Protein backbone atom coordinates (compact mmCIF):
# COMPACT_ATOMS: atom_id res chain seq x y z
CA MET A 1 77.88 96.22 67.01
CA SER A 2 80.66 96.94 69.47
CA THR A 3 80.78 95.03 72.61
CA PRO A 4 79.19 96.19 75.51
CA HIS A 5 81.20 97.67 78.09
CA TRP A 6 80.43 97.04 82.26
CA LEU A 7 80.79 100.01 84.34
CA PHE A 8 81.30 99.18 88.35
CA GLY A 9 79.93 101.79 90.58
CA ASP A 10 83.20 103.06 91.05
CA GLN A 11 83.98 103.79 87.34
CA LEU A 12 81.89 106.66 86.78
CA GLY A 13 83.82 109.15 85.17
CA PRO A 14 84.38 109.56 81.31
CA HIS A 15 87.93 108.08 81.43
CA PHE A 16 86.33 104.63 82.09
CA LEU A 17 84.89 104.91 78.55
CA ARG A 18 87.55 106.88 76.67
CA ALA A 19 88.50 104.39 73.35
CA GLY A 20 92.08 103.43 73.52
CA PRO A 21 94.30 100.34 72.34
CA ARG A 22 93.32 98.48 75.68
CA GLY A 23 90.37 100.15 76.36
CA PRO A 24 86.41 99.92 75.35
CA ALA A 25 85.23 100.51 71.80
CA GLY A 26 84.49 104.48 71.27
CA ASP A 27 80.82 103.45 70.90
CA ALA A 28 80.33 100.73 72.90
CA PRO A 29 76.79 100.37 74.57
CA VAL A 30 77.00 100.42 78.41
CA VAL A 31 75.74 97.95 81.17
CA MET A 32 75.34 99.04 84.70
CA ILE A 33 74.12 96.81 87.41
CA GLU A 34 72.66 97.68 90.69
CA ALA A 35 73.30 94.55 93.07
CA ARG A 36 71.31 94.54 96.19
CA SER A 37 73.29 91.85 97.39
CA VAL A 38 76.08 94.70 98.17
CA LEU A 39 73.88 96.71 100.38
CA ARG A 40 73.07 93.36 102.44
CA ARG A 41 76.68 92.19 102.71
CA ARG A 42 77.88 95.00 105.23
CA ARG A 43 76.04 97.24 107.22
CA PHE A 44 77.07 100.80 105.62
CA HIS A 45 76.95 104.45 106.49
CA ARG A 46 73.41 105.50 105.01
CA ALA A 47 75.17 108.65 103.39
CA LYS A 48 77.61 106.04 101.93
CA ALA A 49 74.88 104.02 100.35
CA HIS A 50 72.88 107.24 99.20
CA LEU A 51 76.29 108.66 97.43
CA VAL A 52 76.80 105.63 95.56
CA LEU A 53 73.25 104.77 94.25
CA SER A 54 72.80 108.35 93.37
CA ALA A 55 76.00 108.72 91.46
CA MET A 56 75.33 105.61 89.64
CA ARG A 57 71.94 106.64 88.92
CA HIS A 58 72.86 110.00 87.69
CA ARG A 59 75.70 108.35 85.36
CA ALA A 60 72.96 106.15 84.14
CA ALA A 61 70.71 109.19 83.46
CA GLU A 62 73.84 111.23 81.79
CA LEU A 63 74.23 108.19 79.35
CA GLY A 64 70.63 107.71 78.37
CA ASP A 65 70.02 105.19 75.69
CA ARG A 66 73.52 104.34 75.64
CA VAL A 67 73.32 102.39 78.84
CA THR A 68 71.58 99.29 79.89
CA TYR A 69 70.69 99.87 83.65
CA VAL A 70 69.52 96.66 85.49
CA ARG A 71 68.44 96.54 89.41
CA ALA A 72 69.07 93.07 90.19
CA ASP A 73 70.09 91.28 93.47
CA THR A 74 73.35 90.15 92.12
CA TYR A 75 75.91 91.11 89.64
CA ARG A 76 75.68 87.78 87.91
CA GLN A 77 71.59 88.01 87.60
CA GLY A 78 72.11 91.66 86.41
CA LEU A 79 74.73 90.61 84.04
CA ARG A 80 72.51 87.73 82.44
CA GLU A 81 69.34 90.04 82.03
CA ALA A 82 71.80 92.58 80.57
CA VAL A 83 73.33 90.86 77.64
CA GLY A 84 72.74 87.17 78.45
CA ASP A 85 75.63 84.90 77.42
CA GLY A 86 76.98 87.87 74.89
CA PRO A 87 80.37 89.01 75.48
CA VAL A 88 81.21 92.21 77.49
CA THR A 89 84.44 94.12 78.53
CA VAL A 90 85.38 95.76 81.80
CA CYS A 91 87.78 97.64 83.37
CA HIS A 92 89.70 95.87 86.15
CA PRO A 93 87.74 96.22 89.22
CA THR A 94 89.13 97.68 92.49
CA SER A 95 88.69 94.92 94.66
CA ARG A 96 89.93 91.36 94.42
CA ALA A 97 86.39 89.95 94.94
CA ALA A 98 85.06 92.15 91.98
CA LEU A 99 88.00 90.99 90.10
CA GLY A 100 87.59 87.46 91.28
CA LEU A 101 83.90 87.62 89.89
CA VAL A 102 84.42 89.07 86.57
CA SER A 103 87.53 86.71 86.14
CA SER A 104 85.43 83.88 86.43
CA LEU A 105 82.70 84.81 83.79
CA ASP A 106 84.13 83.46 80.47
CA GLN A 107 82.13 86.14 78.60
CA VAL A 108 84.05 89.14 80.50
CA THR A 109 87.47 90.32 78.88
CA VAL A 110 89.20 92.66 81.90
CA LEU A 111 91.03 95.54 80.66
CA PRO A 112 93.81 97.41 82.47
CA PRO A 113 92.55 99.52 85.46
CA ARG A 114 91.99 103.37 84.75
CA GLY A 115 91.61 106.27 87.44
CA TYR A 116 95.07 105.58 88.49
CA LEU A 117 98.76 107.39 87.80
CA VAL A 118 100.86 104.21 87.64
CA PRO A 119 99.92 100.80 85.73
CA LEU A 120 100.51 97.77 88.15
CA ASP A 121 103.24 96.60 85.69
CA ASP A 122 105.07 99.63 86.05
CA PHE A 123 104.88 99.42 89.96
CA ARG A 124 105.86 95.56 89.84
CA ALA A 125 108.85 96.51 87.82
CA TRP A 126 109.77 99.37 90.27
CA ALA A 127 109.37 97.07 93.28
CA ALA A 128 111.07 93.76 91.91
CA ASP A 129 114.80 94.89 93.25
CA LYS A 130 113.14 95.47 96.30
CA GLY A 131 112.10 93.38 99.63
CA ASP A 132 108.41 94.08 100.71
CA ALA A 133 109.92 95.72 103.96
CA ALA A 134 111.87 98.28 101.51
CA LEU A 135 108.65 99.94 99.54
CA ARG A 136 108.65 103.03 101.52
CA GLN A 137 106.00 105.57 100.55
CA GLU A 138 108.61 108.08 100.37
CA ASP A 139 110.72 106.39 97.94
CA PHE A 140 107.58 105.70 95.70
CA TYR A 141 106.62 109.27 95.82
CA ARG A 142 109.94 110.76 94.34
CA TRP A 143 109.84 108.10 91.55
CA VAL A 144 105.84 109.01 90.45
CA ARG A 145 107.27 112.67 90.64
CA ARG A 146 110.11 111.93 88.30
CA GLU A 147 108.04 109.77 86.11
CA HIS A 148 104.95 111.95 85.81
CA ASP A 149 107.09 115.09 85.96
CA LEU A 150 105.20 116.59 88.90
CA LEU A 151 106.57 119.67 90.88
CA MET A 152 109.69 119.37 88.98
CA ALA A 153 112.58 121.80 88.06
CA GLY A 154 114.55 119.68 85.56
CA ASP A 155 115.54 116.70 87.61
CA ARG A 156 115.23 118.42 90.83
CA PRO A 157 112.32 118.61 92.92
CA ALA A 158 110.49 122.32 92.77
CA GLY A 159 111.92 124.03 95.87
CA ASP A 160 114.75 121.61 95.86
CA HIS A 161 112.74 119.67 98.67
CA TRP A 162 110.80 116.36 97.92
CA ASN A 163 108.64 116.71 101.16
CA LEU A 164 107.54 119.60 102.84
CA ASP A 165 105.93 118.14 105.70
CA HIS A 166 107.98 120.64 108.28
CA ASP A 167 105.98 123.64 106.83
CA ASN A 168 102.65 121.24 107.05
CA ARG A 169 102.29 120.18 110.65
CA GLU A 170 101.29 123.58 112.37
CA PRO A 171 98.60 123.38 115.31
CA PRO A 172 95.43 125.41 114.87
CA PRO A 173 95.52 128.74 115.74
CA GLY A 174 95.00 129.07 119.58
CA ASP A 175 91.97 131.15 119.46
CA ALA A 176 90.47 129.93 116.33
CA GLU A 177 87.04 127.99 116.56
CA THR A 178 87.38 127.53 112.19
CA LEU A 179 89.99 128.73 110.17
CA ARG A 180 87.26 131.55 108.34
CA LEU A 181 87.94 129.93 105.22
CA PRO A 182 85.77 130.07 102.01
CA ALA A 183 83.06 127.07 102.56
CA PRO A 184 83.73 123.87 100.37
CA TYR A 185 81.74 122.99 97.44
CA ARG A 186 78.35 121.68 98.65
CA PRO A 187 75.89 119.77 95.34
CA ARG A 188 71.85 120.12 95.63
CA GLU A 189 69.98 117.17 95.75
CA ASP A 190 67.51 116.59 92.98
CA ALA A 191 64.78 114.07 91.99
CA ILE A 192 67.25 111.32 91.87
CA ASP A 193 68.55 111.94 95.27
CA GLN A 194 64.74 111.60 96.33
CA GLU A 195 64.19 108.49 94.73
CA VAL A 196 67.36 107.17 96.08
CA ARG A 197 66.07 108.04 99.56
CA GLU A 198 62.94 106.44 99.30
CA ASP A 199 64.18 103.35 98.13
CA LEU A 200 66.88 103.37 100.98
CA ASP A 201 63.94 104.04 103.68
CA ARG A 202 61.82 101.16 102.00
CA TRP A 203 64.26 98.59 101.91
CA GLU A 204 65.12 99.42 105.65
CA ARG A 205 61.40 99.54 106.63
CA GLU A 206 61.05 95.84 104.72
CA GLY A 207 64.04 94.52 106.48
CA GLU A 208 66.13 93.89 103.32
CA VAL A 209 68.92 96.34 104.40
CA SER A 210 70.06 97.98 107.64
CA PHE A 211 72.46 100.83 107.88
CA VAL A 212 74.33 103.16 110.54
CA GLY A 213 74.84 107.07 110.41
CA ALA A 214 72.60 109.89 109.03
CA ASP A 215 71.67 110.39 105.52
CA GLY A 216 71.02 113.89 104.14
CA PRO A 217 71.67 116.20 102.48
CA ARG A 218 74.21 114.81 100.25
CA ARG A 219 77.40 116.68 100.86
CA PHE A 220 79.72 114.93 98.30
CA PRO A 221 79.08 114.85 94.55
CA ALA A 222 77.49 112.35 92.64
CA THR A 223 78.16 113.70 88.98
CA ARG A 224 81.03 114.43 87.07
CA ARG A 225 79.98 118.12 86.79
CA GLU A 226 79.51 118.20 90.85
CA ALA A 227 82.91 116.74 91.00
CA LEU A 228 84.48 118.99 88.81
CA SER A 229 82.99 122.27 90.53
CA ALA A 230 84.40 120.94 93.93
CA LEU A 231 87.71 120.52 92.50
CA ARG A 232 87.63 123.86 90.71
CA ARG A 233 86.71 125.70 94.34
CA PHE A 234 89.33 123.72 96.19
CA VAL A 235 91.97 125.09 93.92
CA SER A 236 91.05 128.52 93.38
CA ARG A 237 89.73 129.02 97.23
CA ARG A 238 91.17 126.88 99.50
CA LEU A 239 94.13 125.20 98.39
CA ALA A 240 96.43 127.73 99.43
CA GLU A 241 95.73 127.33 103.05
CA PHE A 242 95.76 123.63 102.89
CA GLY A 243 99.54 122.71 103.81
CA PRO A 244 100.17 124.60 107.32
CA HIS A 245 97.08 123.08 109.11
CA GLU A 246 96.37 120.12 107.20
CA ASP A 247 97.24 117.80 110.46
CA ALA A 248 95.33 119.96 112.76
CA MET A 249 91.67 119.36 114.12
CA LEU A 250 89.07 121.88 115.32
CA ALA A 251 86.02 120.67 116.97
CA ASP A 252 83.78 123.34 115.17
CA ASP A 253 85.55 123.12 111.77
CA PRO A 254 86.00 119.29 110.94
CA VAL A 255 86.86 120.28 107.45
CA MET A 256 89.14 122.82 107.64
CA SER A 257 91.04 123.26 104.15
CA HIS A 258 90.39 119.70 103.05
CA SER A 259 89.74 118.98 99.69
CA LEU A 260 86.79 116.74 100.25
CA LEU A 261 87.59 115.34 97.11
CA SER A 262 88.55 111.67 98.09
CA SER A 263 84.86 110.43 97.62
CA SER A 264 84.94 111.57 93.87
CA LEU A 265 88.35 110.23 93.15
CA ASN A 266 87.42 106.97 94.75
CA LEU A 267 84.12 106.97 92.50
CA GLY A 268 85.81 107.41 89.60
CA LEU A 269 84.25 110.82 88.69
CA LEU A 270 87.84 112.69 89.07
CA ASP A 271 91.17 111.36 87.41
CA PRO A 272 94.04 111.84 90.06
CA ALA A 273 95.99 113.38 86.81
CA GLU A 274 93.85 116.24 86.40
CA CYS A 275 93.66 116.72 90.20
CA VAL A 276 97.34 117.23 90.64
CA SER A 277 97.97 119.16 87.37
CA ARG A 278 95.17 122.02 88.74
CA ALA A 279 97.02 121.81 91.63
CA GLU A 280 100.19 122.31 90.13
CA ASP A 281 99.46 124.96 87.49
CA ALA A 282 97.98 127.05 90.79
CA TRP A 283 101.46 127.16 92.19
CA ARG A 284 103.02 127.74 89.03
CA ALA A 285 100.35 130.67 88.38
CA GLY A 286 101.21 132.16 91.95
CA ASP A 287 98.00 131.25 93.37
CA ALA A 288 99.24 128.82 96.11
CA PRO A 289 102.25 128.27 97.81
CA LEU A 290 104.53 125.13 97.42
CA ASN A 291 103.90 123.88 100.72
CA SER A 292 100.10 123.41 100.06
CA VAL A 293 100.54 122.12 96.86
CA GLU A 294 103.13 119.70 97.40
CA GLY A 295 101.16 118.36 100.62
CA TYR A 296 98.04 118.06 98.25
CA VAL A 297 100.30 116.44 95.64
CA ARG A 298 101.66 113.82 97.92
CA GLN A 299 98.27 112.74 99.11
CA VAL A 300 97.49 111.98 95.74
CA ALA A 301 99.98 111.04 93.81
CA GLY A 302 102.09 109.71 96.90
CA TRP A 303 99.88 108.05 99.45
CA ARG A 304 96.57 107.29 97.10
CA GLU A 305 98.67 105.73 94.96
CA TYR A 306 100.75 103.93 96.83
CA VAL A 307 97.94 102.55 98.73
CA TRP A 308 96.36 101.10 95.69
CA GLN A 309 99.61 99.44 94.26
CA LEU A 310 100.23 97.98 97.86
CA TYR A 311 96.45 96.46 97.91
CA TRP A 312 97.57 94.36 94.75
CA HIS A 313 101.21 93.74 95.61
CA PHE A 314 100.77 92.44 99.25
CA GLY A 315 98.31 89.89 98.03
CA GLU A 316 94.81 88.49 99.88
CA GLU A 317 97.07 86.88 102.67
CA TYR A 318 97.75 90.36 103.89
CA ARG A 319 93.96 90.63 105.11
CA GLY A 320 94.73 88.48 107.56
CA ARG A 321 98.03 89.90 108.99
CA ASN A 322 97.74 90.59 112.50
CA ALA A 323 101.26 91.21 113.93
CA LEU A 324 100.55 92.24 117.24
CA ASP A 325 98.13 89.45 118.00
CA HIS A 326 95.07 91.81 118.62
CA HIS A 327 91.65 89.96 118.80
CA ASP A 328 89.27 92.13 121.02
CA PRO A 329 85.89 92.81 119.54
CA LEU A 330 84.60 96.13 118.54
CA PRO A 331 82.53 97.56 121.63
CA ASP A 332 78.61 98.39 120.28
CA TRP A 333 78.87 101.92 120.97
CA PHE A 334 81.39 102.23 118.28
CA LEU A 335 79.83 99.60 115.74
CA GLU A 336 76.70 101.71 116.19
CA LEU A 337 78.46 105.21 115.99
CA ASP A 338 77.27 106.00 119.35
CA ALA A 339 79.15 109.36 120.09
CA ASP A 340 76.66 110.06 122.86
CA ALA A 341 78.16 106.94 124.79
CA VAL A 342 81.56 108.61 124.74
CA THR A 343 83.15 110.95 127.34
CA ALA A 344 86.67 111.46 125.87
CA ARG A 345 85.71 114.87 123.90
CA CYS A 346 88.08 113.79 121.04
CA LEU A 347 86.56 110.68 120.38
CA ARG A 348 83.01 111.67 121.18
CA THR A 349 83.51 114.62 118.77
CA VAL A 350 85.19 112.70 116.00
CA LEU A 351 82.91 109.98 116.36
CA ALA A 352 79.95 112.22 115.62
CA GLN A 353 81.57 113.59 112.46
CA VAL A 354 81.68 109.90 110.88
CA ARG A 355 78.01 109.29 112.27
CA ASP A 356 76.89 112.57 110.67
CA THR A 357 78.51 112.67 107.53
CA GLY A 358 80.60 109.56 106.85
CA TRP A 359 83.49 111.38 106.83
CA THR A 360 86.46 112.85 108.66
CA HIS A 361 89.96 114.02 107.69
CA HIS A 362 93.01 111.78 107.71
CA ILE A 363 94.37 112.61 111.24
CA PRO A 364 91.13 111.99 113.16
CA ARG A 365 90.91 108.73 111.26
CA LEU A 366 94.65 107.69 112.13
CA MET A 367 95.31 109.42 115.68
CA ILE A 368 91.79 109.17 117.10
CA LEU A 369 89.82 106.52 115.90
CA GLY A 370 92.35 104.26 114.56
CA SER A 371 95.13 105.04 117.80
CA HIS A 372 91.70 104.27 119.91
CA ALA A 373 91.46 100.94 118.42
CA LEU A 374 95.28 99.99 118.64
CA GLN A 375 95.53 101.00 122.23
CA ARG A 376 92.55 98.92 123.03
CA GLY A 377 93.64 96.04 121.28
CA TRP A 378 90.83 95.38 118.33
CA ASP A 379 90.86 93.18 115.95
CA PRO A 380 92.10 94.87 112.68
CA ALA A 381 90.15 92.73 110.69
CA ALA A 382 87.10 93.92 112.36
CA VAL A 383 88.61 97.79 112.36
CA THR A 384 89.27 97.73 108.63
CA ASP A 385 85.76 96.14 107.56
CA TRP A 386 84.55 99.27 110.19
CA PHE A 387 86.23 101.86 108.51
CA HIS A 388 85.08 100.51 104.80
CA ARG A 389 81.60 100.47 105.95
CA CYS A 390 81.38 103.86 107.73
CA PHE A 391 83.02 106.09 105.35
CA VAL A 392 81.44 107.42 101.91
CA ASP A 393 85.30 107.16 100.40
CA GLY A 394 85.73 103.66 101.93
CA TYR A 395 86.47 100.79 99.55
CA ASP A 396 88.39 97.45 100.11
CA TRP A 397 91.45 98.57 98.21
CA VAL A 398 91.43 102.16 99.96
CA MET A 399 90.83 100.45 103.89
CA LEU A 400 92.79 97.48 103.58
CA PRO A 401 96.38 98.78 103.37
CA ASN A 402 95.60 102.09 105.13
CA VAL A 403 94.08 100.31 108.28
CA VAL A 404 96.17 96.92 108.48
CA GLY A 405 99.33 98.56 107.80
CA MET A 406 99.41 102.55 108.67
CA SER A 407 96.49 102.60 111.19
CA GLN A 408 96.91 99.09 113.22
CA TYR A 409 100.32 98.17 112.74
CA ALA A 410 99.33 94.64 111.88
CA ASP A 411 101.84 94.13 109.34
CA GLY A 412 104.42 94.24 111.67
CA GLY A 413 106.26 97.42 109.74
CA LEU A 414 105.50 96.24 106.11
CA MET A 415 104.06 99.53 105.17
CA THR A 416 105.27 102.15 108.14
CA THR A 417 108.45 102.28 110.20
CA LYS A 418 106.46 102.43 113.37
CA PRO A 419 102.79 102.19 115.07
CA TYR A 420 100.86 105.57 114.58
CA THR A 421 99.61 106.06 118.17
CA SER A 422 100.05 109.17 120.93
CA GLY A 423 99.21 110.14 124.15
CA GLY A 424 96.81 113.02 125.15
CA ALA A 425 99.54 115.45 124.49
CA TYR A 426 99.68 115.21 120.79
CA VAL A 427 96.04 115.71 120.42
CA HIS A 428 96.13 118.73 122.71
CA ARG A 429 98.78 120.33 120.75
CA MET A 430 97.05 119.67 117.31
CA SER A 431 93.68 120.58 118.40
CA ASP A 432 91.30 121.97 120.47
CA LEU A 433 89.31 119.44 121.64
CA CYS A 434 91.01 118.67 125.05
CA GLY A 435 90.00 121.92 127.00
CA PRO A 436 86.59 121.26 128.01
CA CYS A 437 87.15 117.49 128.23
CA ALA A 438 86.22 115.52 131.20
CA TYR A 439 90.32 114.22 131.34
CA ARG A 440 93.11 115.78 131.41
CA PRO A 441 95.91 115.21 128.36
CA GLY A 442 99.00 115.04 131.23
CA ASP A 443 97.01 112.58 133.69
CA ARG A 444 97.89 108.76 133.25
CA VAL A 445 96.12 107.67 136.36
CA GLY A 446 92.96 108.50 138.22
CA GLU A 447 89.50 109.68 137.54
CA ARG A 448 90.93 112.25 135.06
CA ALA A 449 93.14 110.05 133.35
CA CYS A 450 93.23 110.51 129.61
CA PRO A 451 92.24 107.43 127.83
CA TYR A 452 94.79 108.45 124.96
CA THR A 453 97.65 109.21 127.45
CA ALA A 454 96.93 105.95 129.87
CA GLY A 455 96.37 103.66 126.59
CA TYR A 456 99.33 104.83 125.08
CA TRP A 457 101.71 103.68 128.00
CA ALA A 458 99.74 100.60 128.60
CA PHE A 459 100.35 99.74 124.47
CA LEU A 460 103.73 100.22 124.89
CA ALA A 461 104.07 98.30 127.85
CA ARG A 462 102.01 95.39 126.46
CA HIS A 463 104.15 95.61 123.27
CA ARG A 464 107.40 96.24 124.62
CA GLU A 465 109.21 92.84 123.51
CA ARG A 466 107.61 92.92 120.19
CA LEU A 467 108.74 96.63 119.51
CA ALA A 468 112.31 96.22 121.21
CA ASP A 469 114.27 95.96 118.13
CA ASN A 470 112.22 99.15 116.35
CA GLY A 471 115.03 101.84 116.41
CA ARG A 472 112.21 104.73 116.07
CA MET A 473 110.55 103.20 118.99
CA ALA A 474 113.57 103.22 121.51
CA ARG A 475 113.04 106.30 123.03
CA ALA A 476 109.05 105.68 123.89
CA LEU A 477 109.82 102.60 125.27
CA ASN A 478 112.94 103.79 127.47
CA GLY A 479 110.15 106.04 128.83
CA LEU A 480 108.49 103.17 130.49
CA ASP A 481 111.09 102.97 132.85
CA ARG A 482 110.62 106.31 134.22
CA LEU A 483 106.74 105.95 135.01
CA LYS A 484 106.63 105.50 138.80
CA ASP A 485 103.09 105.01 138.48
CA LEU A 486 103.31 102.07 135.74
CA ASP A 487 101.27 99.38 137.86
CA ALA A 488 98.60 101.55 138.98
CA LEU A 489 98.04 102.62 135.13
CA LEU A 490 98.27 99.14 133.92
CA ASP A 491 95.77 98.05 136.77
CA GLN A 492 93.37 100.66 135.72
CA GLU A 493 93.94 99.98 132.14
CA GLY A 494 93.04 96.49 132.74
CA ASN A 495 90.22 96.71 134.53
CA ARG A 496 88.51 99.91 133.75
CA PRO A 497 87.19 101.36 130.37
CA ARG A 498 87.83 104.97 129.80
CA THR A 499 85.71 105.74 127.06
CA ALA A 500 82.05 105.18 128.34
CA PRO A 501 80.90 107.16 131.44
CA PRO A 502 80.89 104.84 134.40
């Protein structure tokens, strides 16, 4: 009999069971373990807990008699119940904690990772002759494009440009409440979803677990079939419009043209190779413009892959990076997703999106949520944990580099060349969120001072010496000398919160 193969809850696609020289046996029995301790460890978003459990239970139902599905308190307990002391294989897990667990068990053979384009060894070889500070995403992205022949015309990039960002930074149309695109794919709940919801309700009543945010109806795929339907709908009906407004925000259209496929990729329901391949096919068939397809390919084959590799490359010590010496705790209204406690319309709107769905796209994450945390000096480890818990697509490998490096600049520039934060002018230009707001994006001081505008200048003043050698920050830092109201601004920001009503 073949050695059983253990599937974690983010390894749910068929590629995790595909036989190969370094994979499980083709007829291997499958073990799946639903460990309650995971839900007790963090206060997850309720929609995230629902999605993960629904996806696991759906996968078990598909596998039928092939799977031994164990509901246990811990993974160790569940593994004992499933296979005793017998051998088991598992694909390389996606977190250091899980890898540490499986590596500590003599009975477990760890196979190479699946669900990513670049093997870890290949990345190590690519990075070997570069210092950590030279591992830039753009260089990595071009290397991946060449290695996988993605959007290439011989040895040149399609369209003769690697990066079409300049075509993909348009603000939303001035008169648009929505982009008026075909709606994204939405799954239908079934009996398994109902069972999951009843279990979560019971565990909460009994005080065993606690959640934040709203749950239901389920908005994201929980099965391979649903994920493929979502991918087809995005490519055929929404990809063409993806590029131009991918960095824009609309209050009444949080999804806009985004794919909503990140949770399916991170659950392992989709393989990134099939996502970028279908997008490229759409361009070559004339069904989507190059700037939209390149923008999507860069998100999947560039950024997602880059984040995965850096998670393992930088090591566990990266978690404790705090180059800006930020230590303030997250306020209760943020921890509880209490959007009603917030006056600033952009932050209130985005926090409500997270509360109600467990998702918002990359610009609200970076330039609204992350920027606010950075300006206020919140502890980057706590911010990372919040993003991990509160987003349906959030996993340790996803959020650690994204938050510590990209969002909070806590690694001092290993991942990005400057802090990503801005004043209210950026939000005003790229969204419709400022118009009805109680604050004015151009005001730095006074009752109508925008918390992002005031916070931006206060952040620069606080870290002027730290950022003085960063050439990309020179112009912004020089702007401090032109502010005649800087003292009043710093006094205001030091003595009054700018997000909650008085």
